[in-house]
C-alpha atoms as a PDB file:
ATOM      1  CA  UNK A   1     194.435 111.717 286.253  1.00  0.00           C
ATOM      2  CA  UNK A   2     191.539 111.796 288.596  1.00  0.00           C
ATOM      3  CA  UNK A   3     188.886 114.272 287.624  1.00  0.00           C
ATOM      4  CA  UNK A   4     187.544 116.667 290.209  1.00  0.00           C
ATOM      5  CA  UNK A   5     183.998 118.045 289.446  1.00  0.00           C
ATOM      6  CA  UNK A   6     182.014 121.093 290.468  1.00  0.00           C
ATOM      7  CA  UNK A   7     178.500 122.232 289.912  1.00  0.00           C
ATOM      8  CA  UNK A   8     177.372 125.794 289.379  1.00  0.00           C
ATOM      9  CA  UNK A   9     173.883 127.061 289.392  1.00  0.00           C
ATOM     10  CA  UNK A  10     173.088 130.628 288.348  1.00  0.00           C
ATOM     11  CA  UNK A  11     170.365 132.443 290.172  1.00  0.00           C
ATOM     12  CA  UNK A  12     170.424 135.335 287.870  1.00  0.00           C
ATOM     13  CA  UNK A  13     168.431 135.606 284.644  1.00  0.00           C
ATOM     14  CA  UNK A  14     170.406 138.369 283.138  1.00  0.00           C
ATOM     15  CA  UNK A  15     172.187 137.065 279.924  1.00  0.00           C
ATOM     16  CA  UNK A  16     175.169 139.461 280.208  1.00  0.00           C
ATOM     17  CA  UNK A  17     176.046 138.385 283.729  1.00  0.00           C
ATOM     18  CA  UNK A  18     175.569 134.640 282.875  1.00  0.00           C
ATOM     19  CA  UNK A  19     177.801 134.858 279.870  1.00  0.00           C
ATOM     20  CA  UNK A  20     180.372 136.800 281.851  1.00  0.00           C
ATOM     21  CA  UNK A  21     180.405 134.124 284.562  1.00  0.00           C
ATOM     22  CA  UNK A  22     180.698 131.353 281.965  1.00  0.00           C
ATOM     23  CA  UNK A  23     183.814 133.078 280.583  1.00  0.00           C
ATOM     24  CA  UNK A  24     185.162 133.294 284.127  1.00  0.00           C
ATOM     25  CA  UNK A  25     184.704 129.467 284.628  1.00  0.00           C
ATOM     26  CA  UNK A  26     186.427 128.717 281.408  1.00  0.00           C
ATOM     27  CA  UNK A  27     189.450 130.923 282.384  1.00  0.00           C
ATOM     28  CA  UNK A  28     189.695 129.487 285.907  1.00  0.00           C
ATOM     29  CA  UNK A  29     188.997 125.693 285.460  1.00  0.00           C
ATOM     30  CA  UNK A  30     192.067 123.558 286.392  1.00  0.00           C
ATOM     31  CA  UNK A  31     193.563 120.913 284.308  1.00  0.00           C
ATOM     32  CA  UNK A  32     192.137 118.160 286.429  1.00  0.00           C
ATOM     33  CA  UNK A  33     188.629 119.721 286.827  1.00  0.00           C
ATOM     34  CA  UNK A  34     185.294 119.419 284.938  1.00  0.00           C
ATOM     35  CA  UNK A  35     182.489 121.913 285.690  1.00  0.00           C
ATOM     36  CA  UNK A  36     178.789 121.861 284.800  1.00  0.00           C
ATOM     37  CA  UNK A  37     177.121 125.246 284.875  1.00  0.00           C
ATOM     38  CA  UNK A  38     173.357 125.572 284.625  1.00  0.00           C
ATOM     39  CA  UNK A  39     171.689 128.864 283.946  1.00  0.00           C
ATOM     40  CA  UNK A  40     168.689 130.626 282.422  1.00  0.00           C
ATOM     41  CA  UNK A  41     168.107 133.903 280.504  1.00  0.00           C
ATOM     42  CA  UNK A  42     164.952 135.886 280.579  1.00  0.00           C
ATOM     43  CA  UNK A  43     163.606 137.119 277.104  1.00  0.00           C
ATOM     44  CA  UNK A  44     166.853 137.202 275.230  1.00  0.00           C
ATOM     45  CA  UNK A  45     168.211 136.695 271.719  1.00  0.00           C
ATOM     46  CA  UNK A  46     171.776 135.375 271.909  1.00  0.00           C
ATOM     47  CA  UNK A  47     173.882 135.663 268.768  1.00  0.00           C
ATOM     48  CA  UNK A  48     177.098 133.865 267.806  1.00  0.00           C
ATOM     49  CA  UNK A  49     180.475 135.502 268.171  1.00  0.00           C
ATOM     50  CA  UNK A  50     180.656 136.549 264.416  1.00  0.00           C
ATOM     51  CA  UNK A  51     177.107 137.315 263.662  1.00  0.00           C
ATOM     52  CA  UNK A  52     175.766 140.731 262.506  1.00  0.00           C
ATOM     53  CA  UNK A  53     172.957 141.694 264.947  1.00  0.00           C
ATOM     54  CA  UNK A  54     171.314 143.978 262.425  1.00  0.00           C
ATOM     55  CA  UNK A  55     171.176 141.214 259.888  1.00  0.00           C
ATOM     56  CA  UNK A  56     170.116 138.422 262.335  1.00  0.00           C
ATOM     57  CA  UNK A  57     167.856 139.923 264.769  1.00  0.00           C
ATOM     58  CA  UNK A  58     164.818 142.508 264.779  1.00  0.00           C
ATOM     59  CA  UNK A  59     166.677 144.512 267.305  1.00  0.00           C
ATOM     60  CA  UNK A  60     164.160 147.347 267.600  1.00  0.00           C
ATOM     61  CA  UNK A  61     161.244 144.933 268.028  1.00  0.00           C
ATOM     62  CA  UNK A  62     163.209 142.970 270.640  1.00  0.00           C
ATOM     63  CA  UNK A  63     164.173 146.055 272.665  1.00  0.00           C
ATOM     64  CA  UNK A  64     160.652 147.504 272.509  1.00  0.00           C
ATOM     65  CA  UNK A  65     159.282 144.133 273.850  1.00  0.00           C
ATOM     66  CA  UNK A  66     161.588 144.583 276.864  1.00  0.00           C
ATOM     67  CA  UNK A  67     164.073 141.872 275.540  1.00  0.00           C
ATOM     68  CA  UNK A  68     167.837 141.805 275.648  1.00  0.00           C
ATOM     69  CA  UNK A  69     170.395 141.161 272.926  1.00  0.00           C
ATOM     70  CA  UNK A  70     173.542 139.102 273.919  1.00  0.00           C
ATOM     71  CA  UNK A  71     176.598 137.961 272.159  1.00  0.00           C
ATOM     72  CA  UNK A  72     178.436 134.812 273.236  1.00  0.00           C
ATOM     73  CA  UNK A  73     181.991 133.578 272.579  1.00  0.00           C
ATOM     74  CA  UNK A  74     180.964 130.511 270.674  1.00  0.00           C
ATOM     75  CA  UNK A  75     179.975 130.341 267.050  1.00  0.00           C
ATOM     76  CA  UNK A  76     176.826 129.212 265.409  1.00  0.00           C
ATOM     77  CA  UNK A  77     173.488 130.991 264.850  1.00  0.00           C
ATOM     78  CA  UNK A  78     170.985 133.180 266.796  1.00  0.00           C
ATOM     79  CA  UNK A  79     168.754 131.590 269.393  1.00  0.00           C
ATOM     80  CA  UNK A  80     165.900 132.724 271.568  1.00  0.00           C
ATOM     81  CA  UNK A  81     165.974 132.206 275.421  1.00  0.00           C
ATOM     82  CA  UNK A  82     163.227 132.609 277.943  1.00  0.00           C
ATOM     83  CA  UNK A  83     162.558 130.939 281.367  1.00  0.00           C
ATOM     84  CA  UNK A  84     161.157 128.066 279.720  1.00  0.00           C
ATOM     85  CA  UNK A  85     164.738 127.194 278.501  1.00  0.00           C
ATOM     86  CA  UNK A  86     167.494 125.857 280.523  1.00  0.00           C
ATOM     87  CA  UNK A  87     171.150 126.321 279.438  1.00  0.00           C
ATOM     88  CA  UNK A  88     173.972 124.053 280.246  1.00  0.00           C
ATOM     89  CA  UNK A  89     177.812 124.484 279.911  1.00  0.00           C
ATOM     90  CA  UNK A  90     180.423 121.882 280.276  1.00  0.00           C
ATOM     91  CA  UNK A  91     183.827 123.528 281.150  1.00  0.00           C
ATOM     92  CA  UNK A  92     187.150 121.696 281.055  1.00  0.00           C
ATOM     93  CA  UNK A  93     190.659 121.572 279.823  1.00  0.00           C
ATOM     94  CA  UNK A  94     190.736 120.661 276.118  1.00  0.00           C
ATOM     95  CA  UNK A  95     192.350 117.330 276.701  1.00  0.00           C
ATOM     96  CA  UNK A  96     189.059 116.146 278.418  1.00  0.00           C
ATOM     97  CA  UNK A  97     186.920 117.228 275.527  1.00  0.00           C
ATOM     98  CA  UNK A  98     184.617 114.257 274.551  1.00  0.00           C
ATOM     99  CA  UNK A  99     181.391 115.492 272.971  1.00  0.00           C
ATOM    100  CA  UNK A 100     179.676 112.180 272.999  1.00  0.00           C
ATOM    101  CA  UNK A 101     180.353 111.890 276.792  1.00  0.00           C
ATOM    102  CA  UNK A 102     179.025 115.336 277.344  1.00  0.00           C
ATOM    103  CA  UNK A 103     175.860 114.887 275.222  1.00  0.00           C
ATOM    104  CA  UNK A 104     175.424 111.533 277.006  1.00  0.00           C
ATOM    105  CA  UNK A 105     174.858 113.525 280.275  1.00  0.00           C
ATOM    106  CA  UNK A 106     171.895 115.467 278.710  1.00  0.00           C
ATOM    107  CA  UNK A 107     170.404 112.366 277.021  1.00  0.00           C
ATOM    108  CA  UNK A 108     170.540 110.161 279.968  1.00  0.00           C
ATOM    109  CA  UNK A 109     169.184 112.892 282.185  1.00  0.00           C
ATOM    110  CA  UNK A 110     166.107 113.614 279.966  1.00  0.00           C
ATOM    111  CA  UNK A 111     165.561 109.817 279.642  1.00  0.00           C
ATOM    112  CA  UNK A 112     164.921 109.594 283.437  1.00  0.00           C
ATOM    113  CA  UNK A 113     161.916 111.930 282.806  1.00  0.00           C
ATOM    114  CA  UNK A 114     160.427 109.226 280.538  1.00  0.00           C
ATOM    115  CA  UNK A 115     161.486 110.871 277.282  1.00  0.00           C
ATOM    116  CA  UNK A 116     163.369 108.869 274.670  1.00  0.00           C
ATOM    117  CA  UNK A 117     166.152 111.315 273.706  1.00  0.00           C
ATOM    118  CA  UNK A 118     168.700 110.620 270.965  1.00  0.00           C
ATOM    119  CA  UNK A 119     171.796 112.199 269.367  1.00  0.00           C
ATOM    120  CA  UNK A 120     171.297 113.664 265.858  1.00  0.00           C
ATOM    121  CA  UNK A 121     174.135 114.729 263.581  1.00  0.00           C
ATOM    122  CA  UNK A 122     176.877 116.625 265.181  1.00  0.00           C
ATOM    123  CA  UNK A 123     175.327 119.022 267.681  1.00  0.00           C
ATOM    124  CA  UNK A 124     171.629 118.402 268.102  1.00  0.00           C
ATOM    125  CA  UNK A 125     169.581 116.132 270.387  1.00  0.00           C
ATOM    126  CA  UNK A 126     166.108 115.092 269.412  1.00  0.00           C
ATOM    127  CA  UNK A 127     163.008 113.746 271.001  1.00  0.00           C
ATOM    128  CA  UNK A 128     160.087 112.485 268.911  1.00  0.00           C
ATOM    129  CA  UNK A 129     162.355 113.178 265.953  1.00  0.00           C
ATOM    130  CA  UNK A 130     162.377 116.996 266.752  1.00  0.00           C
ATOM    131  CA  UNK A 131     165.178 119.109 268.203  1.00  0.00           C
ATOM    132  CA  UNK A 132     165.131 120.178 271.878  1.00  0.00           C
ATOM    133  CA  UNK A 133     168.759 120.899 272.331  1.00  0.00           C
ATOM    134  CA  UNK A 134     171.327 122.795 270.168  1.00  0.00           C
ATOM    135  CA  UNK A 135     174.988 123.115 271.029  1.00  0.00           C
ATOM    136  CA  UNK A 136     177.981 125.343 270.430  1.00  0.00           C
ATOM    137  CA  UNK A 137     181.651 125.442 271.366  1.00  0.00           C
ATOM    138  CA  UNK A 138     184.370 127.858 272.518  1.00  0.00           C
ATOM    139  CA  UNK A 139     188.029 126.872 272.475  1.00  0.00           C
ATOM    140  CA  UNK A 140     190.369 128.992 274.569  1.00  0.00           C
ATOM    141  CA  UNK A 141     194.196 128.775 274.752  1.00  0.00           C
ATOM    142  CA  UNK A 142     194.108 125.715 277.078  1.00  0.00           C
ATOM    143  CA  UNK A 143     190.468 125.318 278.109  1.00  0.00           C
ATOM    144  CA  UNK A 144     187.137 124.791 276.361  1.00  0.00           C
ATOM    145  CA  UNK A 145     183.436 124.950 276.843  1.00  0.00           C
ATOM    146  CA  UNK A 146     180.523 123.270 275.284  1.00  0.00           C
ATOM    147  CA  UNK A 147     177.165 124.995 275.897  1.00  0.00           C
ATOM    148  CA  UNK A 148     173.678 124.328 274.741  1.00  0.00           C
ATOM    149  CA  UNK A 149     169.924 124.784 275.309  1.00  0.00           C
ATOM    150  CA  UNK A 150     167.169 122.517 276.582  1.00  0.00           C
ATOM    151  CA  UNK A 151     163.695 123.630 275.372  1.00  0.00           C
ATOM    152  CA  UNK A 152     161.428 122.702 278.376  1.00  0.00           C
ATOM    153  CA  UNK A 153     158.571 125.050 278.012  1.00  0.00           C
ATOM    154  CA  UNK A 154     159.676 128.004 275.722  1.00  0.00           C
ATOM    155  CA  UNK A 155     157.099 130.416 274.405  1.00  0.00           C
ATOM    156  CA  UNK A 156     157.155 129.017 270.818  1.00  0.00           C
ATOM    157  CA  UNK A 157     155.358 132.163 269.505  1.00  0.00           C
ATOM    158  CA  UNK A 158     158.509 134.128 270.412  1.00  0.00           C
ATOM    159  CA  UNK A 159     160.902 131.506 269.284  1.00  0.00           C
ATOM    160  CA  UNK A 160     161.181 132.944 265.744  1.00  0.00           C
ATOM    161  CA  UNK A 161     159.515 136.360 266.278  1.00  0.00           C
ATOM    162  CA  UNK A 162     162.679 138.329 266.830  1.00  0.00           C
ATOM    163  CA  UNK A 163     165.001 136.422 264.366  1.00  0.00           C
ATOM    164  CA  UNK A 164     165.457 137.792 260.927  1.00  0.00           C
ATOM    165  CA  UNK A 165     166.037 134.395 259.128  1.00  0.00           C
ATOM    166  CA  UNK A 166     167.589 135.018 255.645  1.00  0.00           C
ATOM    167  CA  UNK A 167     166.040 133.701 252.512  1.00  0.00           C
ATOM    168  CA  UNK A 168     169.103 131.568 251.876  1.00  0.00           C
ATOM    169  CA  UNK A 169     168.597 129.847 255.271  1.00  0.00           C
ATOM    170  CA  UNK A 170     164.846 129.353 254.640  1.00  0.00           C
ATOM    171  CA  UNK A 171     165.615 127.906 251.080  1.00  0.00           C
ATOM    172  CA  UNK A 172     168.236 125.586 252.465  1.00  0.00           C
ATOM    173  CA  UNK A 173     166.058 124.125 255.338  1.00  0.00           C
ATOM    174  CA  UNK A 174     162.574 124.644 253.976  1.00  0.00           C
ATOM    175  CA  UNK A 175     160.073 127.028 255.461  1.00  0.00           C
ATOM    176  CA  UNK A 176     157.844 124.390 256.956  1.00  0.00           C
ATOM    177  CA  UNK A 177     160.931 122.531 258.565  1.00  0.00           C
ATOM    178  CA  UNK A 178     162.100 125.712 260.245  1.00  0.00           C
ATOM    179  CA  UNK A 179     158.627 125.976 261.841  1.00  0.00           C
ATOM    180  CA  UNK A 180     158.398 122.275 262.947  1.00  0.00           C
ATOM    181  CA  UNK A 181     161.824 121.142 263.652  1.00  0.00           C
ATOM    182  CA  UNK A 182     161.876 121.993 267.467  1.00  0.00           C
ATOM    183  CA  UNK A 183     159.954 120.775 270.441  1.00  0.00           C
ATOM    184  CA  UNK A 184     159.430 121.617 274.101  1.00  0.00           C
ATOM    185  CA  UNK A 185     160.007 118.661 276.440  1.00  0.00           C
ATOM    186  CA  UNK A 186     156.724 119.606 278.067  1.00  0.00           C
ATOM    187  CA  UNK A 187     154.841 118.484 275.018  1.00  0.00           C
ATOM    188  CA  UNK A 188     156.120 114.989 275.775  1.00  0.00           C
ATOM    189  CA  UNK A 189     155.812 115.066 279.502  1.00  0.00           C
ATOM    190  CA  UNK A 190     153.295 117.600 280.811  1.00  0.00           C
ATOM    191  CA  UNK A 191     154.602 117.182 284.392  1.00  0.00           C
ATOM    192  CA  UNK A 192     158.187 118.435 283.593  1.00  0.00           C
ATOM    193  CA  UNK A 193     159.433 121.613 285.311  1.00  0.00           C
ATOM    194  CA  UNK A 194     162.752 123.486 284.839  1.00  0.00           C
ATOM    195  CA  UNK A 195     163.818 122.517 288.412  1.00  0.00           C
ATOM    196  CA  UNK A 196     163.126 118.738 287.608  1.00  0.00           C
ATOM    197  CA  UNK A 197     165.286 119.088 284.487  1.00  0.00           C
ATOM    198  CA  UNK A 198     168.067 120.810 286.461  1.00  0.00           C
ATOM    199  CA  UNK A 199     168.071 118.014 288.942  1.00  0.00           C
ATOM    200  CA  UNK A 200     168.265 115.047 286.420  1.00  0.00           C
ATOM    201  CA  UNK A 201     171.007 116.821 284.422  1.00  0.00           C
ATOM    202  CA  UNK A 202     173.088 117.359 287.634  1.00  0.00           C
ATOM    203  CA  UNK A 203     172.534 113.792 288.631  1.00  0.00           C
ATOM    204  CA  UNK A 204     173.504 112.428 285.223  1.00  0.00           C
ATOM    205  CA  UNK A 205     176.645 114.693 285.315  1.00  0.00           C
ATOM    206  CA  UNK A 206     177.735 113.210 288.683  1.00  0.00           C
ATOM    207  CA  UNK A 207     176.922 109.794 287.478  1.00  0.00           C
ATOM    208  CA  UNK A 208     179.168 110.226 284.492  1.00  0.00           C
ATOM    209  CA  UNK A 209     182.059 112.329 285.906  1.00  0.00           C
ATOM    210  CA  UNK A 210     181.825 111.771 289.693  1.00  0.00           C
ATOM    211  CA  UNK A 211     180.158 113.356 292.627  1.00  0.00           C
ATOM    212  CA  UNK A 212     180.820 117.080 292.614  1.00  0.00           C
ATOM    213  CA  UNK A 213     183.217 118.226 295.345  1.00  0.00           C
ATOM    214  CA  UNK A 214     181.631 121.615 295.401  1.00  0.00           C
ATOM    215  CA  UNK A 215     178.138 123.085 294.512  1.00  0.00           C
ATOM    216  CA  UNK A 216     177.832 126.888 293.903  1.00  0.00           C
ATOM    217  CA  UNK A 217     174.729 128.894 293.724  1.00  0.00           C
ATOM    218  CA  UNK A 218     175.789 132.172 292.173  1.00  0.00           C
ATOM    219  CA  UNK A 219     174.196 135.670 291.786  1.00  0.00           C
ATOM    220  CA  UNK A 220     175.161 139.136 290.638  1.00  0.00           C
ATOM    221  CA  UNK A 221     175.415 140.250 294.219  1.00  0.00           C
ATOM    222  CA  UNK A 222     177.686 137.403 295.475  1.00  0.00           C
ATOM    223  CA  UNK A 223     180.048 136.884 292.498  1.00  0.00           C
ATOM    224  CA  UNK A 224     183.659 137.668 292.064  1.00  0.00           C
ATOM    225  CA  UNK A 225     184.963 140.946 290.840  1.00  0.00           C
ATOM    226  CA  UNK A 226     186.193 139.176 287.535  1.00  0.00           C
ATOM    227  CA  UNK A 227     182.708 138.339 286.479  1.00  0.00           C
ATOM    228  CA  UNK A 228     181.360 141.794 287.441  1.00  0.00           C
ATOM    229  CA  UNK A 229     183.972 143.429 285.265  1.00  0.00           C
ATOM    230  CA  UNK A 230     183.236 141.196 282.300  1.00  0.00           C
ATOM    231  CA  UNK A 231     179.527 141.826 282.827  1.00  0.00           C
ATOM    232  CA  UNK A 232     180.117 145.476 281.699  1.00  0.00           C
ATOM    233  CA  UNK A 233     181.899 144.082 278.629  1.00  0.00           C
ATOM    234  CA  UNK A 234     179.050 141.731 277.618  1.00  0.00           C
ATOM    235  CA  UNK A 235     176.510 144.479 278.149  1.00  0.00           C
ATOM    236  CA  UNK A 236     178.551 147.080 276.194  1.00  0.00           C
ATOM    237  CA  UNK A 237     177.435 148.384 272.887  1.00  0.00           C
ATOM    238  CA  UNK A 238     180.868 147.710 271.394  1.00  0.00           C
ATOM    239  CA  UNK A 239     180.564 143.973 272.212  1.00  0.00           C
ATOM    240  CA  UNK A 240     177.005 143.653 271.209  1.00  0.00           C
ATOM    241  CA  UNK A 241     177.131 145.705 267.954  1.00  0.00           C
ATOM    242  CA  UNK A 242     180.584 146.699 267.302  1.00  0.00           C
ATOM    243  CA  UNK A 243     181.692 149.045 264.604  1.00  0.00           C
ATOM    244  CA  UNK A 244     179.553 148.553 261.534  1.00  0.00           C
ATOM    245  CA  UNK A 245     180.981 150.788 258.782  1.00  0.00           C
ATOM    246  CA  UNK A 246     178.967 151.502 255.641  1.00  0.00           C
ATOM    247  CA  UNK A 247     180.210 148.867 253.279  1.00  0.00           C
ATOM    248  CA  UNK A 248     180.378 149.498 249.494  1.00  0.00           C
ATOM    249  CA  UNK A 249     180.046 145.786 248.389  1.00  0.00           C
ATOM    250  CA  UNK A 250     178.826 142.588 250.039  1.00  0.00           C
ATOM    251  CA  UNK A 251     178.970 138.984 248.852  1.00  0.00           C
ATOM    252  CA  UNK A 252     177.216 136.169 250.725  1.00  0.00           C
ATOM    253  CA  UNK A 253     176.767 132.473 250.325  1.00  0.00           C
ATOM    254  CA  UNK A 254     175.243 129.482 252.293  1.00  0.00           C
ATOM    255  CA  UNK A 255     177.590 126.596 252.655  1.00  0.00           C
ATOM    256  CA  UNK A 256     176.854 123.237 254.302  1.00  0.00           C
ATOM    257  CA  UNK A 257     178.905 124.473 257.364  1.00  0.00           C
ATOM    258  CA  UNK A 258     177.155 127.856 257.646  1.00  0.00           C
ATOM    259  CA  UNK A 259     176.378 131.090 256.102  1.00  0.00           C
ATOM    260  CA  UNK A 260     179.206 133.529 255.154  1.00  0.00           C
ATOM    261  CA  UNK A 261     178.873 137.221 254.405  1.00  0.00           C
ATOM    262  CA  UNK A 262     181.875 139.178 253.389  1.00  0.00           C
ATOM    263  CA  UNK A 263     181.650 143.070 253.075  1.00  0.00           C
ATOM    264  CA  UNK A 264     184.158 145.498 251.759  1.00  0.00           C
ATOM    265  CA  UNK A 265     184.604 149.248 252.349  1.00  0.00           C
ATOM    266  CA  UNK A 266     186.595 150.602 249.401  1.00  0.00           C
ATOM    267  CA  UNK A 267     188.850 153.530 248.682  1.00  0.00           C
ATOM    268  CA  UNK A 268     189.212 153.528 245.042  1.00  0.00           C
ATOM    269  CA  UNK A 269     189.554 149.783 244.086  1.00  0.00           C
ATOM    270  CA  UNK A 270     191.435 149.080 247.128  1.00  0.00           C
ATOM    271  CA  UNK A 271     189.836 147.335 250.239  1.00  0.00           C
ATOM    272  CA  UNK A 272     190.084 149.601 253.199  1.00  0.00           C
ATOM    273  CA  UNK A 273     188.020 147.660 255.638  1.00  0.00           C
ATOM    274  CA  UNK A 274     186.492 144.158 255.851  1.00  0.00           C
ATOM    275  CA  UNK A 275     183.440 142.892 257.759  1.00  0.00           C
ATOM    276  CA  UNK A 276     183.032 139.130 257.909  1.00  0.00           C
ATOM    277  CA  UNK A 277     179.853 137.533 259.464  1.00  0.00           C
ATOM    278  CA  UNK A 278     178.986 133.872 259.897  1.00  0.00           C
ATOM    279  CA  UNK A 279     176.939 131.483 261.823  1.00  0.00           C
ATOM    280  CA  UNK A 280     179.672 128.723 261.230  1.00  0.00           C
ATOM    281  CA  UNK A 281     180.438 126.761 264.359  1.00  0.00           C
ATOM    282  CA  UNK A 282     184.106 127.016 263.967  1.00  0.00           C
ATOM    283  CA  UNK A 283     185.061 130.673 264.956  1.00  0.00           C
ATOM    284  CA  UNK A 284     188.706 130.194 263.839  1.00  0.00           C
ATOM    285  CA  UNK A 285     187.629 130.426 260.208  1.00  0.00           C
ATOM    286  CA  UNK A 286     186.324 133.945 260.534  1.00  0.00           C
ATOM    287  CA  UNK A 287     189.317 134.976 262.789  1.00  0.00           C
ATOM    288  CA  UNK A 288     191.732 133.854 260.012  1.00  0.00           C
ATOM    289  CA  UNK A 289     189.866 135.597 257.290  1.00  0.00           C
ATOM    290  CA  UNK A 290     189.224 139.065 259.065  1.00  0.00           C
ATOM    291  CA  UNK A 291     192.314 140.968 258.118  1.00  0.00           C
ATOM    292  CA  UNK A 292     193.435 139.048 255.048  1.00  0.00           C
ATOM    293  CA  UNK A 293     191.794 141.308 252.531  1.00  0.00           C
ATOM    294  CA  UNK A 294     192.595 144.853 253.684  1.00  0.00           C
ATOM    295  CA  UNK A 295     194.927 146.595 251.348  1.00  0.00           C
ATOM    296  CA  UNK A 296     194.163 144.073 248.456  1.00  0.00           C
ATOM    297  CA  UNK A 297     192.644 145.125 245.225  1.00  0.00           C
ATOM    298  CA  UNK A 298     188.888 144.168 244.746  1.00  0.00           C
ATOM    299  CA  UNK A 299     189.541 141.578 242.035  1.00  0.00           C
ATOM    300  CA  UNK A 300     189.303 137.913 241.932  1.00  0.00           C
ATOM    301  CA  UNK A 301     193.028 137.318 241.718  1.00  0.00           C
ATOM    302  CA  UNK A 302     193.933 139.328 244.800  1.00  0.00           C
ATOM    303  CA  UNK A 303     191.189 137.826 246.875  1.00  0.00           C
ATOM    304  CA  UNK A 304     192.216 134.338 245.957  1.00  0.00           C
ATOM    305  CA  UNK A 305     195.861 135.114 246.733  1.00  0.00           C
ATOM    306  CA  UNK A 306     194.856 136.429 250.134  1.00  0.00           C
ATOM    307  CA  UNK A 307     193.174 133.084 250.984  1.00  0.00           C
ATOM    308  CA  UNK A 308     196.034 131.136 249.524  1.00  0.00           C
ATOM    309  CA  UNK A 309     198.462 132.846 252.062  1.00  0.00           C
ATOM    310  CA  UNK A 310     196.502 131.531 255.046  1.00  0.00           C
ATOM    311  CA  UNK A 311     198.264 128.902 257.066  1.00  0.00           C
ATOM    312  CA  UNK A 312     195.697 126.729 258.677  1.00  0.00           C
ATOM    313  CA  UNK A 313     194.766 123.395 260.100  1.00  0.00           C
ATOM    314  CA  UNK A 314     193.384 120.327 258.165  1.00  0.00           C
ATOM    315  CA  UNK A 315     190.017 120.985 259.815  1.00  0.00           C
ATOM    316  CA  UNK A 316     189.537 124.369 258.137  1.00  0.00           C
ATOM    317  CA  UNK A 317     191.300 123.687 254.768  1.00  0.00           C
ATOM    318  CA  UNK A 318     188.174 122.195 253.073  1.00  0.00           C
ATOM    319  CA  UNK A 319     186.077 125.220 254.044  1.00  0.00           C
ATOM    320  CA  UNK A 320     188.689 127.528 252.500  1.00  0.00           C
ATOM    321  CA  UNK A 321     188.763 125.525 249.273  1.00  0.00           C
ATOM    322  CA  UNK A 322     184.952 125.911 249.198  1.00  0.00           C
ATOM    323  CA  UNK A 323     185.330 129.762 249.741  1.00  0.00           C
ATOM    324  CA  UNK A 324     187.894 129.736 246.869  1.00  0.00           C
ATOM    325  CA  UNK A 325     185.582 128.081 244.487  1.00  0.00           C
ATOM    326  CA  UNK A 326     182.785 130.380 245.453  1.00  0.00           C
ATOM    327  CA  UNK A 327     184.899 133.601 244.885  1.00  0.00           C
ATOM    328  CA  UNK A 328     185.954 132.165 241.501  1.00  0.00           C
ATOM    329  CA  UNK A 329     182.202 132.093 240.559  1.00  0.00           C
ATOM    330  CA  UNK A 330     181.745 135.804 241.362  1.00  0.00           C
ATOM    331  CA  UNK A 331     181.694 138.517 238.809  1.00  0.00           C
ATOM    332  CA  UNK A 332     184.596 140.596 240.259  1.00  0.00           C
END
């Protein structure tokens, strides 16, 4: 099947609009198409789909400083965006998913600017052994997107200012490594600009996937009704904060695949409501756990039974086994 390509450039710096348009793209991309979407957010903290904003972000400080909180559809942790950062999104049908090929576009594009970029682990791209690009993923029914950041000239003093990093994360990564593990590309090439990075990424995309049949420059004024309607959703209190009941008991643990926080609101010894928060990349795990515990007794046997009843994929099974072992170690 011949692939048709399209390029999209957002002229808005509002995170709620940009995320709404990203969702529109993933909903409308055809089976034989691959899109690249390039966009920027002004002074924003973006959290993963299943993160608790009150736990992850210094919300009041961010708002008092004129910043915005945004929540994306993908998993992973909280990140800071300003106009020194460029975001990219690859949008396609699931059958075209090829992470190595997609990251190759970023690596090859950056290399043309005289910077020796390289893959690291599953989702990061490094230069001078420090991270300048982190990535996350969203899987819809048929389609998929892979998006990420490119640190070009981000205000590093604000990169961690509004993030409420938990002690478990600090202990896992080491305080010094948290401070030193990222780098702006401008530190390696002082002549670099956002516009230059946009151009080399777009060129590398066309080199890898074919010349774009269409190029779209989008704004809040010219976009479709669909994205405008979803804009309101992404800006809404319900999406950003959601219902946060007063939980009676909370358990948390840091696994290799991410942090997991499970909170229960109780009526007697029965679980009435469950809150599950995580920065895990795989959002399916949280979706599967969400309603499993409601109506169960708050005891080890009942919680383990609830997890045992989950029918899942081979990909998530090892994580569920780790959660079972953790629950066995708790004094409940």
